[in-house]
Protein backbone atom coordinates (compact mmCIF):
# COMPACT_ATOMS: atom_id res chain seq x y z
CA MET A 1 37.29 -127.39 45.47
CA LYS A 2 37.08 -128.12 41.80
CA MET A 3 34.63 -126.46 39.30
CA PRO A 4 32.19 -128.88 37.79
CA HIS A 5 33.07 -130.16 34.41
CA TYR A 6 31.07 -129.30 31.34
CA SER A 7 29.23 -132.66 31.65
CA GLY A 8 28.05 -131.36 35.10
CA TRP A 9 26.61 -128.08 33.77
CA LEU A 10 24.97 -130.18 30.86
CA THR A 11 23.43 -132.52 33.48
CA LEU A 12 22.28 -129.51 35.55
CA SER A 13 20.67 -127.86 32.47
CA VAL A 14 18.99 -131.03 31.38
CA LEU A 15 17.59 -131.53 35.04
CA SER A 16 16.34 -127.82 35.12
CA VAL A 17 14.46 -128.14 31.92
CA LEU A 18 12.99 -131.47 33.02
CA LEU A 19 11.94 -129.89 36.29
CA LEU A 20 10.45 -127.03 34.38
CA LEU A 21 8.35 -129.36 32.22
CA PHE A 22 7.38 -131.43 35.28
CA VAL A 23 6.23 -128.35 37.10
CA GLY A 24 4.25 -127.16 34.06
CA GLY A 25 2.72 -130.54 33.81
CA LEU A 26 1.73 -130.60 37.37
CA TYR A 27 -0.03 -127.18 36.82
CA ASP A 28 -1.73 -128.27 33.67
CA CYS A 29 -2.97 -131.42 35.17
CA HIS A 30 -4.47 -129.51 38.18
CA PHE A 31 -6.01 -126.53 36.32
CA GLY A 32 -6.29 -127.89 32.76
CA PRO A 33 -9.63 -129.84 33.28
CA GLN A 34 -11.14 -126.65 34.80
CA SER A 35 -10.46 -124.78 31.50
CA ALA A 36 -11.35 -127.52 29.18
CA TRP A 37 -7.72 -127.75 28.31
CA HIS A 38 -7.69 -124.30 26.53
CA LEU A 39 -5.77 -121.21 27.45
CA SER A 40 -7.91 -119.02 29.56
CA ARG A 41 -9.02 -115.45 28.82
CA GLU A 42 -9.53 -114.68 32.41
CA THR A 43 -6.89 -112.68 34.20
CA GLU A 44 -7.70 -114.49 37.51
CA ASP A 45 -6.45 -117.73 35.97
CA TRP A 46 -3.20 -115.97 34.75
CA ALA A 47 -2.77 -114.43 38.33
CA ARG A 48 -2.97 -117.92 39.74
CA PHE A 49 -0.49 -119.29 37.15
CA GLY A 50 1.83 -116.38 38.02
CA GLU A 51 1.54 -117.09 41.70
CA TYR A 52 2.13 -120.90 41.13
CA ILE A 53 5.27 -120.22 38.96
CA GLY A 54 6.50 -117.49 41.25
CA GLY A 55 6.29 -119.82 44.29
CA VAL A 56 7.97 -122.83 42.46
CA PHE A 57 10.77 -120.60 41.22
CA GLY A 58 11.16 -118.70 44.39
CA MET A 59 11.67 -122.07 46.27
CA LEU A 60 14.29 -122.99 43.57
CA ALA A 61 16.04 -119.67 43.96
CA PHE A 62 16.09 -120.24 47.67
CA ILE A 63 17.62 -123.68 47.17
CA GLY A 64 20.21 -122.18 44.96
CA VAL A 65 21.19 -119.57 47.55
CA LEU A 66 21.63 -122.51 50.13
CA VAL A 67 23.74 -124.55 47.62
CA THR A 68 25.78 -121.41 46.87
CA LEU A 69 26.39 -120.60 50.59
CA ASN A 70 27.42 -124.31 51.15
CA LEU A 71 29.98 -124.10 48.33
CA ARG A 72 31.31 -120.84 49.77
CA ARG A 73 31.70 -122.45 53.24
CA GLU A 74 33.65 -125.24 51.69
CA GLN A 75 35.92 -122.79 49.83
CA LEU A 76 36.53 -120.87 53.19
CA ASP A 77 37.34 -124.26 54.92
CA ASP A 78 39.82 -124.97 52.08
CA LEU A 79 41.40 -121.54 52.58
CA ARG A 80 41.56 -121.87 56.35
CA GLY A 81 43.51 -125.11 55.84
CA GLN A 82 45.97 -123.51 53.34
CA PHE A 83 46.63 -120.54 55.67
CA PRO A 84 48.97 -122.21 58.08
CA LEU A 85 51.01 -123.62 55.11
CA SER A 86 51.38 -120.16 53.51
CA GLU A 87 52.36 -118.85 56.84
CA LEU A 88 54.97 -121.55 57.35
CA GLN A 89 56.27 -120.92 53.73
CA ARG A 90 56.71 -117.16 54.55
CA LEU A 91 58.57 -117.92 57.77
CA LEU A 92 60.78 -120.42 56.03
CA ALA A 93 61.58 -117.92 53.27
CA SER A 94 62.29 -115.29 55.98
CA ALA A 95 64.69 -117.56 57.70
CA SER A 96 66.33 -118.53 54.50
CA GLN A 97 66.86 -114.89 53.64
CA SER A 98 68.28 -114.23 57.13
CA ILE A 99 70.71 -117.25 56.73
CA ASP A 100 71.60 -116.06 53.29
CA SER A 101 72.59 -112.68 54.61
CA VAL A 102 74.69 -113.98 57.38
CA MET A 103 76.54 -116.60 55.27
CA PRO A 104 79.16 -115.24 52.87
């Protein structure tokens, strides 16, 4: 499993910023007309905004956990595939040492 290149991280960063702007835009379109497009001085409005952002980023965090678990599973599968090879190499090295000790 290879780590993503720099361009992969750059793409992920750009997509994250675009997603953030999109989510903020959706919120603004939904609640903006109610406040005449001004920042509210009401704590209830800010509480709704906090709940909205918390829900969106909570969902994104959960997706991040699922992606991380999937990557870890792939890494474990790769390691399981390498284990028989390393065991075979160890046995061959042991056999080679035994042969070398018997041969003058």
